Amino acid sequence: MQQIFSLVHTILYWLLLFRIIVSFMPVSPNSAPVQFIYSLTEPLLAPIRNAFGLITVGGMSLDIAPLVLLLMLDIIRRLLFYIL
């Protein structure tokens, strides 16, 4: 169980990190790799984004959903490893 969740955690971590980095780069959101990453991560991020919304700072909107998801995954991983 721990190994499976650890693998899923690692994959999601890298997918989210890639998505965060790509969001700051001038990359076409219609490219195949970006669409693939978005299709895997968006179902997890959408509910968090709906709950927290976007944070506006100085006329800029920041999406904190990827950071919240990373934090939630880390907490779940730590709890599972502590329990099991």
N, C-alpha and C. Protein backbone atom coordinates (compact mmCIF):
# COMPACT_ATOMS: atom_id res chain seq x y z
N MET A 1 0.83 -1.20 0.00
CA MET A 1 0.00 0.00 0.00
C MET A 1 0.87 1.26 0.00
N GLN A 2 1.89 1.26 0.86
CA GLN A 2 2.76 2.43 0.94
C GLN A 2 3.51 2.66 -0.37
N GLN A 3 3.94 1.57 -0.99
CA GLN A 3 4.70 1.71 -2.23
C GLN A 3 3.83 2.26 -3.35
N ILE A 4 2.58 1.81 -3.40
CA ILE A 4 1.67 2.29 -4.44
C ILE A 4 1.39 3.77 -4.24
N PHE A 5 1.06 4.15 -3.01
CA PHE A 5 0.78 5.57 -2.77
C PHE A 5 2.03 6.41 -2.96
N SER A 6 3.17 5.88 -2.59
CA SER A 6 4.42 6.62 -2.79
C SER A 6 4.67 6.87 -4.27
N LEU A 7 4.40 5.86 -5.09
CA LEU A 7 4.56 6.03 -6.54
C LEU A 7 3.58 7.06 -7.09
N VAL A 8 2.31 6.95 -6.67
CA VAL A 8 1.29 7.92 -7.12
C VAL A 8 1.66 9.32 -6.65
N HIS A 9 2.12 9.43 -5.41
CA HIS A 9 2.52 10.73 -4.86
C HIS A 9 3.66 11.33 -5.68
N THR A 10 4.64 10.53 -6.01
CA THR A 10 5.79 11.02 -6.78
C THR A 10 5.36 11.47 -8.18
N ILE A 11 4.53 10.68 -8.82
CA ILE A 11 4.06 11.04 -10.17
C ILE A 11 3.25 12.33 -10.12
N LEU A 12 2.32 12.44 -9.17
CA LEU A 12 1.52 13.66 -9.06
C LEU A 12 2.38 14.86 -8.70
N TYR A 13 3.37 14.66 -7.85
CA TYR A 13 4.28 15.74 -7.48
C TYR A 13 4.95 16.32 -8.72
N TRP A 14 5.50 15.45 -9.57
CA TRP A 14 6.21 15.92 -10.76
C TRP A 14 5.27 16.51 -11.78
N LEU A 15 4.07 15.94 -11.92
CA LEU A 15 3.09 16.51 -12.84
C LEU A 15 2.68 17.92 -12.40
N LEU A 16 2.44 18.09 -11.10
CA LEU A 16 2.05 19.41 -10.59
C LEU A 16 3.21 20.40 -10.70
N LEU A 17 4.40 19.95 -10.41
CA LEU A 17 5.56 20.83 -10.52
C LEU A 17 5.75 21.28 -11.97
N PHE A 18 5.60 20.35 -12.91
CA PHE A 18 5.70 20.69 -14.33
C PHE A 18 4.61 21.69 -14.70
N ARG A 19 3.40 21.46 -14.21
CA ARG A 19 2.29 22.37 -14.52
C ARG A 19 2.55 23.77 -13.97
N ILE A 20 3.09 23.85 -12.77
CA ILE A 20 3.40 25.16 -12.18
C ILE A 20 4.46 25.87 -13.01
N ILE A 21 5.51 25.17 -13.39
CA ILE A 21 6.59 25.78 -14.17
C ILE A 21 6.08 26.22 -15.54
N VAL A 22 5.28 25.37 -16.19
CA VAL A 22 4.76 25.69 -17.52
C VAL A 22 3.85 26.92 -17.46
N SER A 23 3.15 27.11 -16.36
CA SER A 23 2.23 28.25 -16.26
C SER A 23 2.97 29.58 -16.30
N PHE A 24 4.26 29.58 -15.97
CA PHE A 24 5.04 30.81 -16.00
C PHE A 24 5.84 30.98 -17.29
N MET A 25 5.77 29.99 -18.17
CA MET A 25 6.55 30.04 -19.41
C MET A 25 5.64 30.33 -20.59
N PRO A 26 6.21 30.92 -21.64
CA PRO A 26 5.42 31.20 -22.84
C PRO A 26 5.26 29.95 -23.72
N VAL A 27 4.55 28.95 -23.19
CA VAL A 27 4.33 27.70 -23.90
C VAL A 27 2.87 27.66 -24.33
N SER A 28 2.61 27.15 -25.51
CA SER A 28 1.25 27.06 -26.00
C SER A 28 0.47 26.05 -25.17
N PRO A 29 -0.67 26.47 -24.61
CA PRO A 29 -1.48 25.52 -23.83
C PRO A 29 -2.13 24.45 -24.70
N ASN A 30 -2.03 24.60 -26.02
CA ASN A 30 -2.61 23.62 -26.93
C ASN A 30 -1.63 22.53 -27.35
N SER A 31 -0.39 22.61 -26.88
CA SER A 31 0.58 21.58 -27.25
C SER A 31 0.22 20.27 -26.56
N ALA A 32 0.59 19.17 -27.19
CA ALA A 32 0.20 17.84 -26.70
C ALA A 32 0.71 17.54 -25.28
N PRO A 33 1.98 17.81 -24.96
CA PRO A 33 2.43 17.50 -23.59
C PRO A 33 1.70 18.33 -22.53
N VAL A 34 1.46 19.59 -22.83
CA VAL A 34 0.77 20.45 -21.86
C VAL A 34 -0.68 19.99 -21.69
N GLN A 35 -1.34 19.65 -22.78
CA GLN A 35 -2.71 19.15 -22.70
C GLN A 35 -2.77 17.85 -21.91
N PHE A 36 -1.78 16.99 -22.07
CA PHE A 36 -1.74 15.73 -21.33
C PHE A 36 -1.60 15.99 -19.83
N ILE A 37 -0.69 16.88 -19.46
CA ILE A 37 -0.49 17.23 -18.04
C ILE A 37 -1.76 17.84 -17.48
N TYR A 38 -2.37 18.76 -18.22
CA TYR A 38 -3.60 19.40 -17.75
C TYR A 38 -4.72 18.38 -17.58
N SER A 39 -4.84 17.43 -18.51
CA SER A 39 -5.91 16.44 -18.42
C SER A 39 -5.74 15.52 -17.21
N LEU A 40 -4.51 15.31 -16.77
CA LEU A 40 -4.27 14.47 -15.60
C LEU A 40 -4.44 15.24 -14.29
N THR A 41 -4.10 16.50 -14.28
CA THR A 41 -4.11 17.26 -13.03
C THR A 41 -5.38 18.06 -12.79
N GLU A 42 -6.05 18.47 -13.84
CA GLU A 42 -7.22 19.34 -13.67
C GLU A 42 -8.35 18.71 -12.85
N PRO A 43 -8.66 17.42 -13.00
CA PRO A 43 -9.72 16.85 -12.16
C PRO A 43 -9.42 16.93 -10.66
N LEU A 44 -8.15 16.97 -10.29
CA LEU A 44 -7.78 17.10 -8.88
C LEU A 44 -7.75 18.56 -8.44
N LEU A 45 -7.40 19.44 -9.36
CA LEU A 45 -7.25 20.85 -9.02
C LEU A 45 -8.57 21.63 -9.03
N ALA A 46 -9.50 21.25 -9.89
CA ALA A 46 -10.75 22.00 -10.05
C ALA A 46 -11.54 22.12 -8.74
N PRO A 47 -11.74 21.04 -7.98
CA PRO A 47 -12.49 21.19 -6.72
C PRO A 47 -11.78 22.11 -5.71
N ILE A 48 -10.46 22.03 -5.69
CA ILE A 48 -9.70 22.90 -4.77
C ILE A 48 -9.82 24.34 -5.22
N ARG A 49 -9.72 24.56 -6.53
CA ARG A 49 -9.84 25.92 -7.06
C ARG A 49 -11.23 26.49 -6.79
N ASN A 50 -12.26 25.64 -6.90
CA ASN A 50 -13.63 26.10 -6.60
C ASN A 50 -13.79 26.45 -5.13
N ALA A 51 -13.12 25.71 -4.25
CA ALA A 51 -13.23 25.96 -2.82
C ALA A 51 -12.47 27.22 -2.40
N PHE A 52 -11.26 27.41 -2.94
CA PHE A 52 -10.41 28.52 -2.51
C PHE A 52 -10.48 29.73 -3.44
N GLY A 53 -10.77 29.49 -4.70
CA GLY A 53 -10.79 30.58 -5.67
C GLY A 53 -9.38 31.04 -6.00
N LEU A 54 -9.30 32.15 -6.67
CA LEU A 54 -8.01 32.75 -7.02
C LEU A 54 -7.71 33.87 -6.05
N ILE A 55 -6.46 34.04 -5.71
CA ILE A 55 -6.03 35.11 -4.81
C ILE A 55 -5.51 36.25 -5.68
N THR A 56 -6.03 37.45 -5.46
CA THR A 56 -5.60 38.62 -6.22
C THR A 56 -4.57 39.40 -5.42
N VAL A 57 -3.41 39.61 -6.04
CA VAL A 57 -2.33 40.36 -5.41
C VAL A 57 -1.85 41.40 -6.40
N GLY A 58 -2.08 42.65 -6.09
CA GLY A 58 -1.58 43.73 -6.93
C GLY A 58 -2.07 43.65 -8.37
N GLY A 59 -3.30 43.28 -8.59
CA GLY A 59 -3.85 43.20 -9.93
C GLY A 59 -3.53 41.90 -10.65
N MET A 60 -2.83 41.00 -9.97
CA MET A 60 -2.50 39.69 -10.53
C MET A 60 -3.29 38.63 -9.80
N SER A 61 -3.81 37.65 -10.52
CA SER A 61 -4.52 36.54 -9.88
C SER A 61 -3.60 35.34 -9.77
N LEU A 62 -3.52 34.78 -8.56
CA LEU A 62 -2.69 33.61 -8.32
C LEU A 62 -3.57 32.41 -8.03
N ASP A 63 -3.26 31.30 -8.65
CA ASP A 63 -3.97 30.05 -8.43
C ASP A 63 -3.17 29.24 -7.42
N ILE A 64 -3.72 29.08 -6.22
CA ILE A 64 -3.00 28.35 -5.18
C ILE A 64 -3.40 26.88 -5.13
N ALA A 65 -4.29 26.44 -6.01
CA ALA A 65 -4.76 25.06 -6.01
C ALA A 65 -3.62 24.04 -6.12
N PRO A 66 -2.61 24.23 -6.99
CA PRO A 66 -1.53 23.24 -7.04
C PRO A 66 -0.75 23.16 -5.72
N LEU A 67 -0.53 24.29 -5.09
CA LEU A 67 0.18 24.27 -3.81
C LEU A 67 -0.63 23.59 -2.72
N VAL A 68 -1.93 23.85 -2.70
CA VAL A 68 -2.82 23.21 -1.72
C VAL A 68 -2.84 21.70 -1.95
N LEU A 69 -2.91 21.28 -3.21
CA LEU A 69 -2.92 19.85 -3.51
C LEU A 69 -1.61 19.20 -3.10
N LEU A 70 -0.48 19.85 -3.37
CA LEU A 70 0.80 19.31 -2.93
C LEU A 70 0.85 19.16 -1.42
N LEU A 71 0.35 20.14 -0.71
CA LEU A 71 0.33 20.08 0.75
C LEU A 71 -0.58 18.95 1.22
N MET A 72 -1.75 18.81 0.61
CA MET A 72 -2.68 17.74 0.99
C MET A 72 -2.08 16.37 0.72
N LEU A 73 -1.43 16.19 -0.42
CA LEU A 73 -0.80 14.92 -0.73
C LEU A 73 0.30 14.58 0.26
N ASP A 74 1.06 15.58 0.66
CA ASP A 74 2.14 15.34 1.63
C ASP A 74 1.56 14.96 2.99
N ILE A 75 0.50 15.62 3.41
CA ILE A 75 -0.13 15.28 4.70
C ILE A 75 -0.69 13.87 4.66
N ILE A 76 -1.36 13.50 3.57
CA ILE A 76 -1.91 12.15 3.44
C ILE A 76 -0.78 11.12 3.44
N ARG A 77 0.29 11.41 2.73
CA ARG A 77 1.43 10.48 2.70
C ARG A 77 2.03 10.29 4.08
N ARG A 78 2.20 11.37 4.79
CA ARG A 78 2.77 11.28 6.15
C ARG A 78 1.85 10.50 7.08
N LEU A 79 0.54 10.75 6.98
CA LEU A 79 -0.41 10.02 7.83
C LEU A 79 -0.42 8.52 7.51
N LEU A 80 -0.40 8.19 6.23
CA LEU A 80 -0.38 6.77 5.85
C LEU A 80 0.89 6.08 6.32
N PHE A 81 2.01 6.74 6.18
CA PHE A 81 3.26 6.13 6.62
C PHE A 81 3.34 6.03 8.13
N TYR A 82 2.69 6.94 8.83
CA TYR A 82 2.66 6.89 10.29
C TYR A 82 1.74 5.77 10.77
N ILE A 83 0.59 5.60 10.10
CA ILE A 83 -0.38 4.59 10.50
C ILE A 83 0.10 3.20 10.13
N LEU A 84 0.62 3.06 8.91
CA LEU A 84 1.02 1.72 8.44
C LEU A 84 2.43 1.46 8.80
